[in-house]
PDB file of N, CA and C in Angstrom:
ATOM      1  N   MET A   1       9.386   2.845 -22.602  1.00  0.00           N
ATOM      2  CA  MET A   1       8.803   3.949 -21.883  1.00  0.00           C
ATOM      3  C   MET A   1       8.868   3.716 -20.373  1.00  0.00           C
ATOM      4  N   ARG A   2       8.672   2.497 -19.946  1.00  0.00           N
ATOM      5  CA  ARG A   2       8.711   2.194 -18.512  1.00  0.00           C
ATOM      6  C   ARG A   2      10.091   2.520 -17.939  1.00  0.00           C
ATOM      7  N   ASP A   3      11.187   2.223 -18.664  1.00  0.00           N
ATOM      8  CA  ASP A   3      12.532   2.530 -18.191  1.00  0.00           C
ATOM      9  C   ASP A   3      12.740   4.024 -18.033  1.00  0.00           C
ATOM     10  N   ALA A   4      12.191   4.816 -18.929  1.00  0.00           N
ATOM     11  CA  ALA A   4      12.305   6.271 -18.830  1.00  0.00           C
ATOM     12  C   ALA A   4      11.591   6.779 -17.586  1.00  0.00           C
ATOM     13  N   MET A   5      10.424   6.218 -17.279  1.00  0.00           N
ATOM     14  CA  MET A   5       9.695   6.622 -16.072  1.00  0.00           C
ATOM     15  C   MET A   5      10.464   6.213 -14.820  1.00  0.00           C
ATOM     16  N   LYS A   6      11.059   5.048 -14.840  1.00  0.00           N
ATOM     17  CA  LYS A   6      11.779   4.532 -13.682  1.00  0.00           C
ATOM     18  C   LYS A   6      12.960   5.438 -13.339  1.00  0.00           C
ATOM     19  N   GLU A   7      13.674   5.938 -14.356  1.00  0.00           N
ATOM     20  CA  GLU A   7      14.835   6.782 -14.145  1.00  0.00           C
ATOM     21  C   GLU A   7      14.479   8.097 -13.474  1.00  0.00           C
ATOM     22  N   LYS A   8      13.266   8.604 -13.664  1.00  0.00           N
ATOM     23  CA  LYS A   8      12.842   9.882 -13.106  1.00  0.00           C
ATOM     24  C   LYS A   8      12.408   9.780 -11.646  1.00  0.00           C
ATOM     25  N   ARG A   9      12.205   8.562 -11.155  1.00  0.00           N
ATOM     26  CA  ARG A   9      11.764   8.378  -9.779  1.00  0.00           C
ATOM     27  C   ARG A   9      12.888   8.722  -8.807  1.00  0.00           C
ATOM     28  N   SER A  10      12.535   9.433  -7.743  1.00  0.00           N
ATOM     29  CA  SER A  10      13.529   9.832  -6.749  1.00  0.00           C
ATOM     30  C   SER A  10      13.789   8.755  -5.709  1.00  0.00           C
ATOM     31  N   PHE A  11      12.830   7.848  -5.509  1.00  0.00           N
ATOM     32  CA  PHE A  11      12.942   6.860  -4.459  1.00  0.00           C
ATOM     33  C   PHE A  11      12.864   5.462  -5.040  1.00  0.00           C
ATOM     34  N   LEU A  12      13.764   4.608  -4.626  1.00  0.00           N
ATOM     35  CA  LEU A  12      13.820   3.234  -5.099  1.00  0.00           C
ATOM     36  C   LEU A  12      12.637   2.442  -4.564  1.00  0.00           C
ATOM     37  N   ARG A  13      11.949   1.724  -5.451  1.00  0.00           N
ATOM     38  CA  ARG A  13      10.839   0.864  -5.047  1.00  0.00           C
ATOM     39  C   ARG A  13      11.345  -0.553  -4.832  1.00  0.00           C
ATOM     40  N   ARG A  14      10.855  -1.189  -3.757  1.00  0.00           N
ATOM     41  CA  ARG A  14      11.208  -2.576  -3.464  1.00  0.00           C
ATOM     42  C   ARG A  14       9.951  -3.425  -3.570  1.00  0.00           C
ATOM     43  N   ALA A  15       9.996  -4.448  -4.392  1.00  0.00           N
ATOM     44  CA  ALA A  15       8.864  -5.367  -4.500  1.00  0.00           C
ATOM     45  C   ALA A  15       8.755  -6.150  -3.197  1.00  0.00           C
ATOM     46  N   VAL A  16       7.528  -6.262  -2.678  1.00  0.00           N
ATOM     47  CA  VAL A  16       7.272  -6.995  -1.435  1.00  0.00           C
ATOM     48  C   VAL A  16       5.998  -7.802  -1.595  1.00  0.00           C
ATOM     49  N   ASN A  17       5.750  -8.680  -0.646  1.00  0.00           N
ATOM     50  CA  ASN A  17       4.548  -9.494  -0.678  1.00  0.00           C
ATOM     51  C   ASN A  17       4.106  -9.760   0.759  1.00  0.00           C
ATOM     52  N   PHE A  18       3.350  -8.823   1.340  1.00  0.00           N
ATOM     53  CA  PHE A  18       2.783  -9.017   2.661  1.00  0.00           C
ATOM     54  C   PHE A  18       1.468  -8.254   2.742  1.00  0.00           C
ATOM     55  N   LYS A  19       0.737  -8.461   3.821  1.00  0.00           N
ATOM     56  CA  LYS A  19      -0.566  -7.825   3.969  1.00  0.00           C
ATOM     57  C   LYS A  19      -0.562  -6.865   5.148  1.00  0.00           C
ATOM     58  N   VAL A  20      -1.424  -5.853   5.046  1.00  0.00           N
ATOM     59  CA  VAL A  20      -1.580  -4.874   6.115  1.00  0.00           C
ATOM     60  C   VAL A  20      -3.061  -4.664   6.392  1.00  0.00           C
ATOM     61  N   ASN A  21      -3.366  -4.275   7.619  1.00  0.00           N
ATOM     62  CA  ASN A  21      -4.723  -3.891   7.984  1.00  0.00           C
ATOM     63  C   ASN A  21      -4.799  -2.384   7.817  1.00  0.00           C
ATOM     64  N   VAL A  22      -5.650  -1.910   6.919  1.00  0.00           N
ATOM     65  CA  VAL A  22      -5.778  -0.478   6.631  1.00  0.00           C
ATOM     66  C   VAL A  22      -7.110   0.008   7.188  1.00  0.00           C
ATOM     67  N   THR A  23      -7.060   1.055   8.017  1.00  0.00           N
ATOM     68  CA  THR A  23      -8.266   1.699   8.529  1.00  0.00           C
ATOM     69  C   THR A  23      -8.355   3.078   7.892  1.00  0.00           C
ATOM     70  N   PHE A  24      -9.477   3.332   7.222  1.00  0.00           N
ATOM     71  CA  PHE A  24      -9.701   4.591   6.532  1.00  0.00           C
ATOM     72  C   PHE A  24     -10.249   5.637   7.499  1.00  0.00           C
ATOM     73  N   SER A  25     -10.291   6.907   7.071  1.00  0.00           N
ATOM     74  CA  SER A  25     -10.755   7.995   7.941  1.00  0.00           C
ATOM     75  C   SER A  25     -12.224   7.821   8.345  1.00  0.00           C
ATOM     76  N   ASN A  26     -12.999   7.039   7.575  1.00  0.00           N
ATOM     77  CA  ASN A  26     -14.400   6.785   7.939  1.00  0.00           C
ATOM     78  C   ASN A  26     -14.519   5.578   8.870  1.00  0.00           C
ATOM     79  N   HIS A  27     -13.376   5.085   9.372  1.00  0.00           N
ATOM     80  CA  HIS A  27     -13.269   3.961  10.311  1.00  0.00           C
ATOM     81  C   HIS A  27     -13.529   2.598   9.673  1.00  0.00           C
ATOM     82  N   GLU A  28     -13.712   2.551   8.366  1.00  0.00           N
ATOM     83  CA  GLU A  28     -13.822   1.268   7.655  1.00  0.00           C
ATOM     84  C   GLU A  28     -12.432   0.629   7.631  1.00  0.00           C
ATOM     85  N   SER A  29     -12.375  -0.682   7.813  1.00  0.00           N
ATOM     86  CA  SER A  29     -11.093  -1.379   7.871  1.00  0.00           C
ATOM     87  C   SER A  29     -11.079  -2.528   6.882  1.00  0.00           C
ATOM     88  N   ARG A  30      -9.944  -2.722   6.226  1.00  0.00           N
ATOM     89  CA  ARG A  30      -9.778  -3.811   5.250  1.00  0.00           C
ATOM     90  C   ARG A  30      -8.354  -4.358   5.342  1.00  0.00           C
ATOM     91  N   ILE A  31      -8.184  -5.613   4.988  1.00  0.00           N
ATOM     92  CA  ILE A  31      -6.863  -6.207   4.856  1.00  0.00           C
ATOM     93  C   ILE A  31      -6.489  -6.120   3.377  1.00  0.00           C
ATOM     94  N   LEU A  32      -5.352  -5.477   3.091  1.00  0.00           N
ATOM     95  CA  LEU A  32      -4.907  -5.269   1.717  1.00  0.00           C
ATOM     96  C   LEU A  32      -3.492  -5.812   1.537  1.00  0.00           C
ATOM     97  N   LYS A  33      -3.166  -6.174   0.318  1.00  0.00           N
ATOM     98  CA  LYS A  33      -1.841  -6.675  -0.033  1.00  0.00           C
ATOM     99  C   LYS A  33      -0.952  -5.485  -0.430  1.00  0.00           C
ATOM    100  N   VAL A  34       0.302  -5.517   0.021  1.00  0.00           N
ATOM    101  CA  VAL A  34       1.283  -4.495  -0.345  1.00  0.00           C
ATOM    102  C   VAL A  34       2.086  -5.007  -1.523  1.00  0.00           C
ATOM    103  N   ARG A  35       2.127  -4.231  -2.609  1.00  0.00           N
ATOM    104  CA  ARG A  35       2.830  -4.620  -3.827  1.00  0.00           C
ATOM    105  C   ARG A  35       4.282  -4.166  -3.809  1.00  0.00           C
ATOM    106  N   ASP A  36       4.490  -2.897  -3.427  1.00  0.00           N
ATOM    107  CA  ASP A  36       5.849  -2.395  -3.314  1.00  0.00           C
ATOM    108  C   ASP A  36       5.903  -1.312  -2.243  1.00  0.00           C
ATOM    109  N   ILE A  37       7.119  -1.054  -1.789  1.00  0.00           N
ATOM    110  CA  ILE A  37       7.307  -0.087  -0.714  1.00  0.00           C
ATOM    111  C   ILE A  37       8.536   0.758  -1.050  1.00  0.00           C
ATOM    112  N   ARG A  38       8.502   2.016  -0.637  1.00  0.00           N
ATOM    113  CA  ARG A  38       9.629   2.928  -0.859  1.00  0.00           C
ATOM    114  C   ARG A  38       9.678   3.919   0.286  1.00  0.00           C
ATOM    115  N   GLU A  39      10.665   4.763   0.287  1.00  0.00           N
ATOM    116  CA  GLU A  39      10.863   5.683   1.396  1.00  0.00           C
ATOM    117  C   GLU A  39       9.645   6.568   1.679  1.00  0.00           C
ATOM    118  N   ILE A  40       8.904   6.948   0.658  1.00  0.00           N
ATOM    119  CA  ILE A  40       7.782   7.870   0.853  1.00  0.00           C
ATOM    120  C   ILE A  40       6.409   7.229   0.813  1.00  0.00           C
ATOM    121  N   GLY A  41       6.326   5.910   0.717  1.00  0.00           N
ATOM    122  CA  GLY A  41       5.012   5.285   0.685  1.00  0.00           C
ATOM    123  C   GLY A  41       5.035   3.858   0.214  1.00  0.00           C
ATOM    124  N   MET A  42       3.841   3.347  -0.073  1.00  0.00           N
ATOM    125  CA  MET A  42       3.709   1.974  -0.549  1.00  0.00           C
ATOM    126  C   MET A  42       2.517   1.882  -1.491  1.00  0.00           C
ATOM    127  N   ALA A  43       2.545   0.864  -2.344  1.00  0.00           N
ATOM    128  CA  ALA A  43       1.434   0.596  -3.251  1.00  0.00           C
ATOM    129  C   ALA A  43       0.606  -0.533  -2.668  1.00  0.00           C
ATOM    130  N   LEU A  44      -0.696  -0.271  -2.473  1.00  0.00           N
ATOM    131  CA  LEU A  44      -1.616  -1.259  -1.930  1.00  0.00           C
ATOM    132  C   LEU A  44      -2.512  -1.796  -3.033  1.00  0.00           C
ATOM    133  N   LEU A  45      -2.795  -3.080  -3.001  1.00  0.00           N
ATOM    134  CA  LEU A  45      -3.671  -3.708  -3.984  1.00  0.00           C
ATOM    135  C   LEU A  45      -5.029  -3.997  -3.362  1.00  0.00           C
ATOM    136  N   SER A  46      -6.087  -3.675  -4.101  1.00  0.00           N
ATOM    137  CA  SER A  46      -7.439  -3.920  -3.618  1.00  0.00           C
ATOM    138  C   SER A  46      -8.363  -4.163  -4.784  1.00  0.00           C
ATOM    139  N   GLU A  47      -9.256  -5.121  -4.615  1.00  0.00           N
ATOM    140  CA  GLU A  47     -10.259  -5.391  -5.632  1.00  0.00           C
ATOM    141  C   GLU A  47     -11.624  -4.852  -5.235  1.00  0.00           C
ATOM    142  N   ASP A  48     -11.841  -4.607  -3.925  1.00  0.00           N
ATOM    143  CA  ASP A  48     -13.185  -4.239  -3.485  1.00  0.00           C
ATOM    144  C   ASP A  48     -13.248  -2.917  -2.709  1.00  0.00           C
ATOM    145  N   VAL A  49     -12.159  -2.168  -2.647  1.00  0.00           N
ATOM    146  CA  VAL A  49     -12.166  -0.891  -1.933  1.00  0.00           C
ATOM    147  C   VAL A  49     -11.916   0.219  -2.942  1.00  0.00           C
ATOM    148  N   GLU A  50     -12.776   1.227  -2.918  1.00  0.00           N
ATOM    149  CA  GLU A  50     -12.553   2.386  -3.779  1.00  0.00           C
ATOM    150  C   GLU A  50     -11.351   3.146  -3.273  1.00  0.00           C
ATOM    151  N   HIS A  51     -10.652   3.827  -4.170  1.00  0.00           N
ATOM    152  CA  HIS A  51      -9.481   4.590  -3.782  1.00  0.00           C
ATOM    153  C   HIS A  51      -9.882   5.713  -2.824  1.00  0.00           C
ATOM    154  N   PRO A  52      -9.110   5.886  -1.741  1.00  0.00           N
ATOM    155  CA  PRO A  52      -9.414   6.994  -0.825  1.00  0.00           C
ATOM    156  C   PRO A  52      -9.114   8.332  -1.504  1.00  0.00           C
ATOM    157  N   TYR A  53      -9.723   9.375  -1.028  1.00  0.00           N
ATOM    158  CA  TYR A  53      -9.451  10.708  -1.567  1.00  0.00           C
ATOM    159  C   TYR A  53      -8.023  11.100  -1.241  1.00  0.00           C
ATOM    160  N   ASN A  54      -7.406  11.885  -2.124  1.00  0.00           N
ATOM    161  CA  ASN A  54      -6.068  12.396  -1.834  1.00  0.00           C
ATOM    162  C   ASN A  54      -6.101  13.158  -0.521  1.00  0.00           C
ATOM    163  N   GLY A  55      -5.105  12.937   0.309  1.00  0.00           N
ATOM    164  CA  GLY A  55      -5.050  13.609   1.598  1.00  0.00           C
ATOM    165  C   GLY A  55      -5.782  12.871   2.703  1.00  0.00           C
ATOM    166  N   ASP A  56      -6.479  11.768   2.367  1.00  0.00           N
ATOM    167  CA  ASP A  56      -7.186  10.993   3.374  1.00  0.00           C
ATOM    168  C   ASP A  56      -6.163  10.321   4.291  1.00  0.00           C
ATOM    169  N   LEU A  57      -6.380  10.381   5.576  1.00  0.00           N
ATOM    170  CA  LEU A  57      -5.480   9.776   6.543  1.00  0.00           C
ATOM    171  C   LEU A  57      -5.806   8.307   6.707  1.00  0.00           C
ATOM    172  N   LEU A  58      -4.805   7.448   6.494  1.00  0.00           N
ATOM    173  CA  LEU A  58      -4.968   6.010   6.627  1.00  0.00           C
ATOM    174  C   LEU A  58      -4.142   5.527   7.813  1.00  0.00           C
ATOM    175  N   ARG A  59      -4.681   4.609   8.569  1.00  0.00           N
ATOM    176  CA  ARG A  59      -3.914   3.953   9.629  1.00  0.00           C
ATOM    177  C   ARG A  59      -3.571   2.579   9.086  1.00  0.00           C
ATOM    178  N   ILE A  60      -2.275   2.271   9.031  1.00  0.00           N
ATOM    179  CA  ILE A  60      -1.808   1.025   8.434  1.00  0.00           C
ATOM    180  C   ILE A  60      -1.036   0.232   9.468  1.00  0.00           C
ATOM    181  N   LYS A  61      -1.422  -1.040   9.640  1.00  0.00           N
ATOM    182  CA  LYS A  61      -0.755  -1.909  10.603  1.00  0.00           C
ATOM    183  C   LYS A  61      -0.357  -3.190   9.881  1.00  0.00           C
ATOM    184  N   MET A  62       0.925  -3.519   9.968  1.00  0.00           N
ATOM    185  CA  MET A  62       1.414  -4.740   9.340  1.00  0.00           C
ATOM    186  C   MET A  62       0.864  -5.950  10.094  1.00  0.00           C
ATOM    187  N   ILE A  63       0.459  -6.956   9.333  1.00  0.00           N
ATOM    188  CA  ILE A  63      -0.088  -8.179   9.904  1.00  0.00           C
ATOM    189  C   ILE A  63       1.026  -9.209   9.979  1.00  0.00           C
ATOM    190  N   GLU A  64       1.183  -9.825  11.131  1.00  0.00           N
ATOM    191  CA  GLU A  64       2.186 -10.866  11.272  1.00  0.00           C
ATOM    192  C   GLU A  64       1.809 -12.039  10.378  1.00  0.00           C
ATOM    193  N   PRO A  65       2.794 -12.644   9.693  1.00  0.00           N
ATOM    194  CA  PRO A  65       2.496 -13.741   8.762  1.00  0.00           C
ATOM    195  C   PRO A  65       1.644 -14.863   9.352  1.00  0.00           C
ATOM    196  N   SER A  66       1.787 -15.148  10.621  1.00  0.00           N
ATOM    197  CA  SER A  66       0.999 -16.231  11.223  1.00  0.00           C
ATOM    198  C   SER A  66      -0.480 -15.873  11.321  1.00  0.00           C
ATOM    199  N   HIS A  67      -0.826 -14.582  11.186  1.00  0.00           N
ATOM    200  CA  HIS A  67      -2.215 -14.151  11.274  1.00  0.00           C
ATOM    201  C   HIS A  67      -2.867 -13.924   9.920  1.00  0.00           C
ATOM    202  N   VAL A  68      -2.128 -14.153   8.835  1.00  0.00           N
ATOM    203  CA  VAL A  68      -2.650 -13.949   7.488  1.00  0.00           C
ATOM    204  C   VAL A  68      -3.229 -15.249   6.975  1.00  0.00           C
ATOM    205  N   HIS A  69      -4.453 -15.170   6.458  1.00  0.00           N
ATOM    206  CA  HIS A  69      -5.110 -16.373   5.925  1.00  0.00           C
ATOM    207  C   HIS A  69      -5.111 -16.346   4.431  1.00  0.00           C
TER     208      HIS A  69
END
């Protein structure tokens, strides 16, 4: 079933492993891990942040590897 879903996707996903600083529309900020990235977006991993509402504007800044703990 996963292969069938993959074939229907319009944009190729690339597995990645880096962190970004995400600021939500309520000005709350968190460092999150990026799981994959594609032309139209990225998948972020979080254990302690509730999912933002659809349409919520996020400010995302890539963290330089030397600044990631």
